[in-house]
Amino acid sequence: MVYFIGNVLSPTATQPEQEDTTFAFSREEAHQLDLHNTPIRMEHHPDMEVGVVRSSWTGQDGSKWVIGKLNNDGLQSIFAKHAIGPNKYGTPYYTGLSLQHTHTQYASGKTSKEAVEVSLCCDPRRADCRITFVSADPARACGTQSGKSPYKAWHSASQMSTPAPVTSTPTPASAAPAALAPAAAPAAAPAAAAADTPMVQPSQESMMEVIVKQQELLEEAQKDQNKYRELQKTVKEKEELETNDARLKTEVFAKALVETWSKELSQDDLTDESRHNIMALASKYPKETQDFFRIAHHASKKMKERDAKMMQEIEASKNTELKASFNSVMSKQVHAASSASKPAPAAPHDASRTFMETFNKYRDGSSGRDLMTKVLETRQPKRRRMYE
């Protein structure tokens, strides 16, 4: 991966074409210009995007500096990496940076400028906007010992600074971040020793190497953070799917439960408000209530099945008793039909019928008085006369 550092705006005091307010930037406009993730192209061609601006800062003199990152794939990106690196003569093909921006003027008189792209070019319109440092590329470092491009700074270090990550550090060459400036001498050190020992100023190249290294570490941390966010997003989506599935299943259980209870309970026991609360509970807390509604539904189902089975057993018992009674009655009838017929004894209250049968039996044309006498004789026991 190849990084480079360069400026895309000249210092405010020396900007070219300052009379053109649509082109020149004021110090405030330079400070407000956001270049993060601005595309990097070659020669302002819309189809030749080769990288992106990863970071930017504004110098104390109003200049604008960027850290650019070139892509690691594609023919155009490979060409751009070689084009900003030194050739066999020690000079790169692309040395300039050109900022393309839009200028908007509102009816109130307020204006704003927004970045469109940063292009690699040979001769930029702002002649002092140049690439000052290129990081080592292992694929390209075989020609030199360090693999670093021998760029020379176009501005003195006193004209460049950054508010947060970098600040200006006086050097005879180009700008460098103040955050990477050498640390102050320890407070405990004697003043004489500090005066005798000269402060070693880091070179511009070493400071820019540190800047690029920090940018690489920052991007690695951002990648890890993005992976973590993606993992969180995946876990959240999975949990939402599981919650939706649980909600659908729980609502089905709740509906079945309410319908079952509505048939078994009275309106006083299961009111409309109770039905609404049951459904709201299933919808709001699907996972927490899933087991409850499942068990309640199965319990109601089992109770219904048990009641139905009990009714079947009662009906079967009734049928068994009826069948036993029927078989008993039929058995008595068959037994009576197979027995020899015997005259039924006359009931006590049936004397009149016996009298008429006897009367008809002895009826032979005699008078009624004679017949009555015969009947009486038959009803009375005969007395035997002894000694006759």
Protein backbone atom coordinates (compact mmCIF):
# COMPACT_ATOMS: atom_id res chain seq x y z
CA MET A 1 0.00 0.00 0.00
CA VAL A 2 1.43 3.40 -1.04
CA TYR A 3 0.81 6.66 0.84
CA PHE A 4 1.90 10.15 -0.09
CA ILE A 5 1.86 13.57 1.58
CA GLY A 6 1.43 16.86 -0.26
CA ASN A 7 -0.32 20.22 -0.24
CA VAL A 8 -3.33 21.04 -2.39
CA LEU A 9 -3.69 24.74 -1.43
CA SER A 10 -1.02 27.42 -1.40
CA PRO A 11 -0.54 29.66 1.61
CA THR A 12 -3.27 32.29 1.77
CA ALA A 13 -0.88 35.19 1.25
CA THR A 14 0.71 33.71 -1.89
CA GLN A 15 -2.23 32.02 -3.55
CA PRO A 16 -2.41 32.60 -7.30
CA GLU A 17 -5.40 34.39 -8.86
CA GLN A 18 -6.47 35.92 -5.55
CA GLU A 19 -8.77 38.29 -7.41
CA ASP A 20 -10.94 35.28 -8.43
CA THR A 21 -12.98 34.51 -5.30
CA THR A 22 -14.37 31.37 -6.91
CA PHE A 23 -10.85 29.92 -7.26
CA ALA A 24 -8.81 31.34 -4.39
CA PHE A 25 -9.44 30.23 -0.79
CA SER A 26 -9.49 32.42 2.25
CA ARG A 27 -7.93 31.17 5.47
CA GLU A 28 -11.38 30.41 6.89
CA GLU A 29 -12.47 28.56 3.76
CA ALA A 30 -9.29 26.50 3.80
CA HIS A 31 -9.86 25.59 7.42
CA GLN A 32 -13.48 24.55 6.74
CA LEU A 33 -12.60 22.49 3.65
CA ASP A 34 -13.16 18.78 4.37
CA LEU A 35 -11.04 16.49 2.20
CA HIS A 36 -11.57 13.20 4.04
CA ASN A 37 -12.46 10.40 1.57
CA THR A 38 -12.10 12.73 -1.40
CA PRO A 39 -11.24 10.61 -4.47
CA ILE A 40 -7.78 10.77 -6.02
CA ARG A 41 -7.67 10.65 -9.82
CA MET A 42 -5.13 11.13 -12.57
CA GLU A 43 -5.35 14.29 -14.69
CA HIS A 44 -8.93 15.01 -13.49
CA HIS A 45 -10.24 12.09 -15.57
CA PRO A 46 -13.53 10.76 -14.09
CA ASP A 47 -12.69 7.16 -15.08
CA MET A 48 -9.15 7.15 -13.67
CA GLU A 49 -9.72 7.02 -9.91
CA VAL A 50 -6.67 5.54 -8.24
CA GLY A 51 -7.01 6.31 -4.53
CA VAL A 52 -8.59 8.35 -1.76
CA VAL A 53 -7.58 11.10 0.67
CA ARG A 54 -7.33 9.58 4.15
CA SER A 55 -6.58 12.69 6.20
CA SER A 56 -6.01 16.43 5.85
CA TRP A 57 -5.04 19.45 7.93
CA THR A 58 -4.63 23.21 7.54
CA GLY A 59 -1.33 24.98 8.09
CA GLN A 60 -0.93 28.18 10.04
CA ASP A 61 -0.32 30.00 6.75
CA GLY A 62 -3.61 28.76 5.28
CA SER A 63 -2.10 25.97 3.17
CA LYS A 64 -3.97 22.65 2.98
CA TRP A 65 -2.15 19.34 3.35
CA VAL A 66 -3.35 15.82 2.65
CA ILE A 67 -2.34 12.21 3.21
CA GLY A 68 -3.33 10.25 0.13
CA LYS A 69 -3.61 6.49 -0.21
CA LEU A 70 -3.37 4.76 -3.58
CA ASN A 71 -5.32 1.63 -4.36
CA ASN A 72 -3.53 -1.69 -4.48
CA ASP A 73 -5.21 -3.23 -7.51
CA GLY A 74 -5.92 -2.41 -11.13
CA LEU A 75 -3.65 -1.23 -13.93
CA GLN A 76 -4.34 2.46 -13.29
CA SER A 77 -3.45 2.21 -9.59
CA ILE A 78 -0.22 0.36 -10.43
CA PHE A 79 0.61 3.06 -12.98
CA ALA A 80 -0.07 5.79 -10.40
CA LYS A 81 2.23 4.12 -7.84
CA HIS A 82 5.07 4.05 -10.35
CA ALA A 83 4.23 7.54 -11.63
CA ILE A 84 4.70 9.21 -8.24
CA GLY A 85 7.85 7.16 -7.52
CA PRO A 86 11.29 7.92 -8.84
CA ASN A 87 12.28 6.61 -12.24
CA LYS A 88 15.76 5.53 -13.26
CA TYR A 89 16.76 9.19 -13.50
CA GLY A 90 15.60 9.81 -9.92
CA THR A 91 12.62 12.02 -10.82
CA PRO A 92 8.94 11.02 -10.66
CA TYR A 93 6.49 11.52 -13.50
CA TYR A 94 3.74 13.02 -11.33
CA THR A 95 4.93 15.64 -8.86
CA GLY A 96 1.92 17.97 -8.64
CA LEU A 97 -1.45 17.87 -6.88
CA SER A 98 -4.49 19.68 -8.26
CA LEU A 99 -7.62 20.34 -6.21
CA GLN A 100 -10.97 20.51 -7.99
CA HIS A 101 -13.77 22.13 -6.00
CA THR A 102 -17.22 23.70 -6.34
CA HIS A 103 -18.06 27.27 -5.36
CA THR A 104 -21.60 28.07 -4.20
CA GLN A 105 -22.91 31.58 -3.60
CA TYR A 106 -26.24 32.00 -1.81
CA ALA A 107 -28.73 34.86 -2.07
CA SER A 108 -27.69 36.05 1.37
CA GLY A 109 -24.18 36.64 0.05
CA LYS A 110 -22.68 33.68 1.92
CA THR A 111 -20.38 31.38 -0.07
CA SER A 112 -19.08 27.87 0.40
CA LYS A 113 -16.51 25.66 -1.30
CA GLU A 114 -16.56 21.84 -1.37
CA ALA A 115 -13.90 19.44 -2.66
CA VAL A 116 -14.67 17.27 -5.69
CA GLU A 117 -11.35 15.49 -6.24
CA VAL A 118 -7.58 15.68 -5.93
CA SER A 119 -5.67 14.79 -9.07
CA LEU A 120 -2.14 13.67 -9.72
CA CYS A 121 -0.67 15.85 -12.44
CA CYS A 122 2.57 17.19 -13.86
CA ASP A 123 1.85 20.93 -13.87
CA PRO A 124 -0.81 21.99 -11.38
CA ARG A 125 -2.59 25.35 -11.70
CA ARG A 126 -1.31 26.21 -8.24
CA ALA A 127 2.35 25.73 -9.07
CA ASP A 128 3.53 25.23 -5.49
CA CYS A 129 1.07 22.38 -4.72
CA ARG A 130 3.34 19.34 -4.86
CA ILE A 131 3.85 15.85 -3.47
CA THR A 132 6.50 16.10 -0.76
CA PHE A 133 6.75 12.52 0.46
CA VAL A 134 5.92 9.01 -0.79
CA SER A 135 6.01 5.95 1.44
CA ALA A 136 8.06 2.89 0.56
CA ASP A 137 6.49 0.33 -1.76
CA PRO A 138 8.08 -3.15 -1.40
CA ALA A 139 7.32 -3.96 -5.03
CA ARG A 140 9.09 -0.82 -6.15
CA ALA A 141 11.85 -0.62 -3.53
CA CYS A 142 14.17 -3.01 -5.34
CA GLY A 143 15.78 -0.12 -7.25
CA THR A 144 16.75 1.89 -4.18
CA GLN A 145 17.96 1.12 -0.72
CA SER A 146 15.10 2.68 1.15
CA GLY A 147 12.38 2.72 -1.44
CA LYS A 148 11.54 6.35 -0.54
CA SER A 149 11.08 8.99 -3.20
CA PRO A 150 13.62 11.86 -3.08
CA TYR A 151 11.06 14.69 -2.99
CA LYS A 152 12.11 18.17 -1.93
CA ALA A 153 9.80 20.37 0.09
CA TRP A 154 8.31 23.46 -1.52
CA HIS A 155 7.56 25.35 1.70
CA SER A 156 9.49 26.09 4.84
CA ALA A 157 8.35 24.35 7.98
CA SER A 158 7.40 27.67 9.56
CA GLN A 159 4.51 27.94 7.10
CA MET A 160 2.88 24.58 7.93
CA SER A 161 0.99 23.27 10.95
CA THR A 162 -2.00 21.17 11.92
CA PRO A 163 -4.52 21.89 14.69
CA ALA A 164 -4.87 18.41 16.09
CA PRO A 165 -2.57 15.69 14.73
CA VAL A 166 0.26 17.94 13.53
CA THR A 167 1.63 21.43 14.07
CA SER A 168 4.37 23.42 12.43
CA THR A 169 8.00 22.80 13.26
CA PRO A 170 10.70 25.12 11.91
CA THR A 171 12.98 23.28 9.49
CA PRO A 172 14.91 24.44 6.49
CA ALA A 173 12.89 22.13 4.30
CA SER A 174 9.15 21.54 4.03
CA ALA A 175 6.33 21.24 6.54
CA ALA A 176 6.19 18.67 9.32
CA PRO A 177 3.64 17.88 12.02
CA ALA A 178 4.31 19.45 15.40
CA ALA A 179 2.91 16.40 17.14
CA LEU A 180 6.02 14.64 15.94
CA ALA A 181 8.39 17.42 16.99
CA PRO A 182 11.07 16.47 19.50
CA ALA A 183 10.00 16.43 23.12
CA ALA A 184 11.10 19.18 25.45
CA ALA A 185 14.02 18.54 27.76
CA PRO A 186 13.05 16.99 31.11
CA ALA A 187 12.28 19.53 33.78
CA ALA A 188 14.68 17.90 36.18
CA ALA A 189 17.65 18.31 33.82
CA PRO A 190 20.01 21.15 34.69
CA ALA A 191 19.77 24.23 32.50
CA ALA A 192 23.47 24.17 31.82
CA ALA A 193 23.34 20.63 30.52
CA ALA A 194 20.44 21.56 28.25
CA ALA A 195 22.39 24.52 26.93
CA ASP A 196 25.51 22.45 26.27
CA THR A 197 23.62 19.65 24.52
CA PRO A 198 22.28 20.72 21.10
CA MET A 199 18.72 19.67 20.27
CA VAL A 200 18.59 17.20 17.42
CA GLN A 201 15.92 18.18 14.94
CA PRO A 202 14.31 15.23 13.14
CA SER A 203 14.48 15.32 9.41
CA GLN A 204 11.45 16.12 7.34
CA GLU A 205 11.53 12.67 5.81
CA SER A 206 11.59 10.88 9.17
CA MET A 207 8.70 12.98 10.48
CA MET A 208 6.62 12.24 7.40
CA GLU A 209 7.40 8.56 7.77
CA VAL A 210 5.98 8.73 11.27
CA ILE A 211 2.89 10.53 9.94
CA VAL A 212 2.29 7.82 7.35
CA LYS A 213 2.92 5.09 9.92
CA GLN A 214 0.38 6.67 12.24
CA GLN A 215 -2.09 6.86 9.35
CA GLU A 216 -1.55 3.17 8.61
CA LEU A 217 -2.14 2.25 12.23
CA LEU A 218 -5.22 4.43 12.29
CA GLU A 219 -6.63 2.71 9.22
CA GLU A 220 -5.94 -0.72 10.70
CA ALA A 221 -7.81 0.32 13.83
CA GLN A 222 -10.66 1.62 11.69
CA LYS A 223 -10.77 -1.68 9.81
CA ASP A 224 -10.97 -3.59 13.08
CA GLN A 225 -13.69 -1.23 14.26
CA ASN A 226 -15.60 -1.67 11.00
CA LYS A 227 -15.33 -5.46 11.35
CA TYR A 228 -16.61 -5.22 14.90
CA ARG A 229 -19.51 -3.04 13.75
CA GLU A 230 -20.31 -5.48 10.97
CA LEU A 231 -20.25 -8.32 13.48
CA GLN A 232 -22.53 -6.34 15.77
CA LYS A 233 -24.85 -5.65 12.86
CA THR A 234 -24.92 -9.34 11.90
CA VAL A 235 -25.63 -10.40 15.48
CA LYS A 236 -28.34 -7.76 15.79
CA GLU A 237 -29.99 -8.84 12.53
CA LYS A 238 -29.89 -12.46 13.67
CA GLU A 239 -31.43 -11.52 17.02
CA GLU A 240 -34.14 -9.53 15.24
CA LEU A 241 -34.96 -12.50 13.00
CA GLU A 242 -35.12 -14.80 16.01
CA THR A 243 -37.31 -12.29 17.86
CA ASN A 244 -39.67 -11.97 14.89
CA ASP A 245 -39.93 -15.75 14.60
CA ALA A 246 -40.59 -16.02 18.33
CA ARG A 247 -43.18 -13.23 18.11
CA LEU A 248 -45.07 -14.96 15.29
CA LYS A 249 -45.07 -18.29 17.10
CA THR A 250 -46.03 -16.75 20.44
CA GLU A 251 -48.87 -14.77 18.88
CA VAL A 252 -50.21 -17.98 17.33
CA PHE A 253 -50.11 -19.67 20.75
CA ALA A 254 -51.79 -16.64 22.35
CA LYS A 255 -54.57 -16.57 19.74
CA ALA A 256 -55.21 -20.30 20.14
CA LEU A 257 -55.20 -19.91 23.91
CA VAL A 258 -57.64 -16.98 23.86
CA GLU A 259 -59.93 -18.84 21.47
CA THR A 260 -59.89 -21.95 23.67
CA TRP A 261 -60.51 -20.02 26.86
CA SER A 262 -63.28 -18.03 25.20
CA LYS A 263 -65.19 -21.27 24.64
CA GLU A 264 -64.59 -22.59 28.14
CA LEU A 265 -64.83 -19.44 30.27
CA SER A 266 -67.58 -16.91 30.69
CA GLN A 267 -67.39 -13.27 29.65
CA ASP A 268 -66.88 -12.29 33.29
CA ASP A 269 -63.89 -14.59 33.63
CA LEU A 270 -62.31 -13.67 30.29
CA THR A 271 -63.10 -10.06 29.39
CA ASP A 272 -62.15 -8.19 26.22
CA GLU A 273 -59.50 -6.30 28.16
CA SER A 274 -57.97 -9.59 29.29
CA ARG A 275 -57.85 -10.80 25.69
CA HIS A 276 -56.16 -7.57 24.62
CA ASN A 277 -53.59 -7.79 27.43
CA ILE A 278 -52.77 -11.38 26.56
CA MET A 279 -52.12 -10.50 22.91
CA ALA A 280 -50.10 -7.39 23.88
CA LEU A 281 -47.95 -9.48 26.20
CA ALA A 282 -47.24 -11.98 23.45
CA SER A 283 -46.29 -9.20 21.00
CA LYS A 284 -44.16 -7.13 23.37
CA TYR A 285 -42.27 -9.96 25.09
CA PRO A 286 -42.24 -12.82 22.58
CA LYS A 287 -39.14 -14.62 23.85
CA GLU A 288 -39.92 -14.21 27.54
CA THR A 289 -43.50 -15.48 27.22
CA GLN A 290 -42.99 -18.11 24.55
CA ASP A 291 -42.66 -21.01 26.99
CA PHE A 292 -45.59 -19.77 29.08
CA PHE A 293 -48.00 -19.57 26.14
CA ARG A 294 -46.75 -22.86 24.72
CA ILE A 295 -47.31 -24.67 28.03
CA ALA A 296 -50.67 -22.97 28.60
CA HIS A 297 -51.79 -23.85 25.07
CA HIS A 298 -50.74 -27.48 25.41
CA ALA A 299 -52.29 -27.66 28.89
CA SER A 300 -55.60 -26.37 27.52
CA LYS A 301 -55.33 -28.78 24.62
CA LYS A 302 -54.61 -31.70 26.95
CA MET A 303 -57.51 -30.68 29.19
CA LYS A 304 -59.82 -30.56 26.21
CA GLU A 305 -58.64 -33.95 25.04
CA ARG A 306 -59.07 -35.35 28.55
CA ASP A 307 -62.59 -33.95 28.79
CA ALA A 308 -63.46 -35.43 25.42
CA LYS A 309 -62.00 -38.78 26.45
CA MET A 310 -63.96 -38.68 29.70
CA MET A 311 -67.18 -38.00 27.82
CA GLN A 312 -66.42 -40.89 25.52
CA GLU A 313 -65.85 -43.15 28.50
CA ILE A 314 -69.14 -42.03 30.09
CA GLU A 315 -71.00 -42.69 26.85
CA ALA A 316 -69.29 -46.05 26.50
CA SER A 317 -70.24 -46.94 30.08
CA LYS A 318 -73.86 -46.02 29.41
CA ASN A 319 -73.85 -48.11 26.26
CA THR A 320 -72.35 -51.04 28.20
CA GLU A 321 -75.03 -50.87 30.89
CA LEU A 322 -77.79 -50.57 28.30
CA LYS A 323 -76.42 -53.52 26.42
CA ALA A 324 -76.19 -55.59 29.61
CA SER A 325 -79.80 -54.75 30.50
CA PHE A 326 -80.92 -55.61 27.00
CA ASN A 327 -79.09 -58.95 27.09
CA SER A 328 -80.60 -59.75 30.50
CA VAL A 329 -84.11 -59.07 29.26
CA MET A 330 -83.58 -61.10 26.11
CA SER A 331 -82.17 -64.00 28.17
CA LYS A 332 -85.34 -64.12 30.37
CA GLN A 333 -87.58 -64.11 27.32
CA VAL A 334 -85.73 -66.98 25.72
CA HIS A 335 -85.85 -69.00 28.96
CA ALA A 336 -89.63 -68.45 29.30
CA ALA A 337 -90.19 -69.52 25.72
CA SER A 338 -88.29 -72.78 26.16
CA SER A 339 -90.08 -73.86 29.42
CA ALA A 340 -93.24 -76.03 29.53
CA SER A 341 -96.39 -74.04 29.75
CA LYS A 342 -98.17 -74.17 33.08
CA PRO A 343 -101.54 -72.75 33.96
CA ALA A 344 -101.14 -69.58 35.83
CA PRO A 345 -102.74 -69.68 39.27
CA ALA A 346 -105.85 -67.66 39.58
CA ALA A 347 -105.54 -64.46 41.38
CA PRO A 348 -107.68 -63.97 44.48
CA HIS A 349 -109.60 -61.18 42.90
CA ASP A 350 -110.39 -63.37 39.86
CA ALA A 351 -113.18 -65.43 41.60
CA SER A 352 -115.86 -64.18 39.28
CA ARG A 353 -114.05 -65.57 36.29
CA THR A 354 -113.62 -68.98 38.01
CA PHE A 355 -117.29 -69.03 38.87
CA MET A 356 -118.32 -68.41 35.27
CA GLU A 357 -115.98 -71.12 33.98
CA THR A 358 -117.43 -73.62 36.46
CA PHE A 359 -120.98 -72.52 35.70
CA ASN A 360 -120.50 -73.01 31.97
CA LYS A 361 -118.92 -76.37 32.55
CA TYR A 362 -121.92 -77.79 34.29
CA ARG A 363 -124.51 -76.04 32.24
CA ASP A 364 -126.73 -78.79 30.79
CA GLY A 365 -130.20 -77.28 30.42
CA SER A 366 -131.16 -77.57 34.10
CA SER A 367 -132.82 -74.73 35.83
CA GLY A 368 -130.82 -71.99 37.40
CA ARG A 369 -131.64 -73.15 40.90
CA ASP A 370 -130.39 -76.65 40.23
CA LEU A 371 -127.21 -75.27 38.71
CA MET A 372 -126.58 -73.08 41.70
CA THR A 373 -127.00 -76.00 43.99
CA LYS A 374 -124.49 -78.04 42.00
CA VAL A 375 -122.00 -75.21 42.13
CA LEU A 376 -122.32 -74.90 45.85
CA GLU A 377 -121.86 -78.60 46.21
CA THR A 378 -118.68 -78.48 44.25
CA ARG A 379 -117.36 -75.65 46.39
CA GLN A 380 -118.08 -77.37 49.63
CA PRO A 381 -116.17 -80.43 50.77
CA LYS A 382 -118.08 -83.66 50.86
CA ARG A 383 -118.74 -85.20 54.25
CA ARG A 384 -118.27 -88.78 54.58
CA ARG A 385 -120.82 -90.60 56.62
CA MET A 386 -119.41 -92.90 59.00
CA TYR A 387 -120.99 -96.17 59.93
CA GLU A 388 -123.49 -96.31 57.11
